[in-house]
Every structure is written in C-alpha cells, then in structure tokens.
Protein backbone atom coordinates (compact mmCIF):
# COMPACT_ATOMS: atom_id res chain seq x y z
CA MET A 1 -2.51 -8.27 -24.75
CA ASN A 2 -0.41 -9.45 -21.30
CA THR A 3 -2.87 -8.16 -19.07
CA PHE A 4 -4.72 -9.62 -15.64
CA ALA A 5 -7.45 -8.15 -13.43
CA LEU A 6 -6.66 -5.92 -10.30
CA LYS A 7 -8.95 -5.15 -7.65
CA ILE A 8 -7.68 -3.22 -5.05
CA ILE A 9 -10.19 -2.77 -1.77
CA ALA A 10 -9.83 -0.86 1.17
CA CYS A 11 -11.76 -0.71 4.00
CA ASP A 12 -13.86 2.48 3.01
CA ARG A 13 -13.70 1.58 -0.75
CA VAL A 14 -12.95 -0.45 -3.78
CA PHE A 15 -9.74 1.83 -4.71
CA TYR A 16 -9.27 0.22 -8.40
CA ASP A 17 -10.95 -2.35 -10.38
CA GLY A 18 -9.50 -3.18 -13.64
CA GLU A 19 -7.01 -4.06 -15.94
CA CYS A 20 -3.23 -4.35 -15.33
CA LYS A 21 -0.06 -4.92 -16.87
CA ILE A 22 2.48 -5.02 -13.86
CA LEU A 23 1.85 -4.64 -10.11
CA VAL A 24 4.98 -3.95 -7.46
CA PHE A 25 4.23 -4.22 -3.93
CA PRO A 26 6.06 -4.19 -0.66
CA GLY A 27 6.12 -7.97 0.40
CA TYR A 28 7.65 -9.33 3.61
CA ASP A 29 10.93 -10.17 1.85
CA GLY A 30 10.82 -6.73 -0.07
CA GLU A 31 9.64 -5.79 -3.72
CA MET A 32 7.63 -7.83 -5.51
CA ALA A 33 6.31 -7.82 -8.90
CA ILE A 34 3.65 -9.70 -10.62
CA MET A 35 2.76 -9.99 -14.28
CA ALA A 36 -0.19 -11.81 -16.41
CA ASN A 37 -0.34 -15.50 -15.93
CA HIS A 38 1.12 -15.44 -12.32
CA GLU A 39 1.13 -18.45 -10.81
CA ALA A 40 -1.52 -18.49 -7.95
CA MET A 41 -0.17 -17.78 -4.79
CA THR A 42 -1.36 -16.10 -1.39
CA SER A 43 1.08 -13.11 0.19
CA THR A 44 0.95 -10.32 2.68
CA ILE A 45 1.47 -6.66 1.71
CA GLU A 46 3.45 -4.57 3.90
CA ILE A 47 2.79 -0.88 4.73
CA GLY A 48 4.20 1.36 1.85
CA GLU A 49 3.79 1.95 -1.89
CA ILE A 50 2.18 -0.20 -4.66
CA ARG A 51 3.03 0.66 -8.37
CA TYR A 52 0.80 -0.65 -11.15
CA GLN A 53 0.84 -0.14 -14.89
CA LEU A 54 -2.11 -0.11 -16.85
CA PRO A 55 -2.78 -1.16 -20.31
CA ASP A 56 -2.00 2.49 -21.76
CA ASP A 57 1.61 2.14 -20.16
CA SER A 58 0.80 4.75 -17.66
CA TRP A 59 1.99 4.07 -13.82
CA GLN A 60 -0.31 4.51 -11.05
CA VAL A 61 0.57 4.41 -7.25
CA ALA A 62 -1.10 3.93 -4.21
CA VAL A 63 0.17 4.14 -0.57
CA VAL A 64 -1.35 1.20 1.39
CA SER A 65 -1.73 -0.24 4.91
CA ASP A 66 -0.80 -3.97 5.42
CA GLY A 67 -3.05 -6.45 4.15
CA LEU A 68 -3.62 -9.46 1.95
CA LEU A 69 -3.00 -10.40 -1.83
CA LYS A 70 -4.02 -13.23 -3.55
CA VAL A 71 -3.21 -14.23 -7.02
CA GLU A 72 -5.59 -16.85 -8.94
CA ARG A 73 -6.63 -17.27 -12.76
CA ASN A 74 -5.00 -14.30 -13.92
CA ALA A 75 -6.45 -12.05 -11.37
CA VAL A 76 -5.31 -10.25 -8.32
CA ASN A 77 -7.13 -9.05 -5.52
CA ILE A 78 -5.51 -7.28 -2.91
CA LEU A 79 -7.24 -6.43 0.43
CA VAL A 80 -6.01 -3.60 2.56
CA TYR A 81 -7.07 -1.40 5.57
CA SER A 82 -6.60 1.97 3.57
CA ALA A 83 -5.43 2.76 0.15
CA GLU A 84 -4.72 6.48 -1.29
CA LYS A 85 -3.53 8.27 -4.09
CA PRO A 86 -0.63 10.35 -2.82
CA GLU A 87 -2.46 13.42 -3.96
CA GLU A 88 -5.11 12.35 -1.67
CA ILE A 89 -2.59 12.27 1.56
CA ASP A 90 -3.05 15.81 3.87
CA ALA A 91 0.41 16.13 4.60
CA PHE A 92 -0.53 17.99 7.33
CA ARG A 93 -2.26 15.40 9.18
CA ALA A 94 0.09 12.89 8.46
CA GLU A 95 3.13 14.61 9.90
CA ALA A 96 0.93 15.21 13.20
CA ALA A 97 0.44 11.21 13.32
CA LEU A 98 4.23 10.81 12.80
CA ALA A 99 4.93 12.65 15.73
CA ARG A 100 2.02 11.27 18.07
CA ALA A 101 3.56 7.72 17.24
CA LYS A 102 6.99 8.93 17.70
CA GLU A 103 5.90 9.93 21.07
CA GLN A 104 3.75 6.98 21.77
CA LEU A 105 7.01 5.03 21.30
CA GLN A 106 8.71 6.79 23.85
CA GLN A 107 6.47 5.99 26.60
CA LYS A 108 6.48 3.15 28.51
CA GLN A 109 4.06 0.64 26.24
CA SER A 110 2.68 -3.07 26.65
CA LEU A 111 4.00 -5.27 23.99
CA ARG A 112 0.81 -5.01 22.01
CA GLU A 113 0.75 -1.15 22.55
CA TYR A 114 4.46 -1.08 21.23
CA HIS A 115 3.33 -2.78 18.44
CA ILE A 116 0.22 -0.42 17.40
CA SER A 117 2.65 2.46 17.61
CA GLN A 118 5.47 1.00 15.43
CA ALA A 119 2.44 0.59 12.91
CA SER A 120 1.38 3.88 13.35
CA LEU A 121 4.78 5.03 12.69
CA ALA A 122 5.29 3.27 9.54
CA ARG A 123 2.03 4.39 8.02
CA ALA A 124 2.88 7.86 8.56
CA MET A 125 6.21 7.91 7.40
CA ALA A 126 4.84 6.19 4.07
CA ARG A 127 1.92 8.84 3.71
CA LEU A 128 4.70 11.29 3.83
CA ARG A 129 7.13 9.56 1.57
CA GLY A 130 3.85 9.21 -0.96
CA ALA A 131 2.47 12.81 -0.27
CA GLY A 132 6.45 14.06 -0.80
CA LYS A 133 6.63 12.55 -4.13
CA HIS A 134 3.39 13.86 -5.12
CA THR A 135 4.16 17.39 -4.16
CA SER A 136 7.54 17.53 -5.82
CA HIS A 137 6.16 17.11 -9.19
C-alpha cells in the first residue's frame, strides 16, 4: 500500500497520528500535496485547511494555524499552533474573533500589532470557512 506516516501536532494535543495516502496543505506559494515516498523537505504551513486521505480512502479535514512541516523517510510531521476539526469550531466565537480583528485593524497600531491583527483575521476567516463547510452538509 502506498501510504506514509502522518503526525499532526498542535500545542494542546496530538491531532492525528497514523497512516495517510495523500496530504494537501496550504503552503507559502499555494496548495501543495504530498504522497508516499516524497523526497525529504521542510516547508511552512499557512493558516487554512489541510486535507488528508486515510488508507480506507476517506478524507479528513483540519483547520490549522500556521506552522512547520517536515518530510523525512516516508513520514510527515506537522507542528502547528492549533488544529481543529470543522465540527469542533464554535462559529459564534469565530465570528466574534473576526469582528475583533477587523476592529483592531482599523485602529492605529505598531507594525508588530498590525501583523498580529492580520494573523488573527486570517485565522478567524479560516475557522469560519471550515465551520461553514461542516454545517452545510
């Protein structure tokens, strides 16, 4: 079987640890995919949605923060600040976070605060997209 070991680690838990056939993740230059026996590499993961296909051909989805990805010896390790299944996302909290981020962006801020607000906005939007896909099924 053409699978590889996938481990997704968030700050609060090991989100997934098992076999995988295909991994699709948001990279710096757009979506990237990894399959079994991929060459060794290190990459960043952008805020957004990752999808991975299990050996039984089912697809799993996770909304993740930015982080790092390492491919080595037919294994992929992902380290992100947060990872959530779409059904775990509280849409009301995500809406509130989106509103706060938009409000902060309208205020005068230092460059550092601006980048933090931009990241908060991107994360809230990704969480809402993920939650919306789950509720529409």
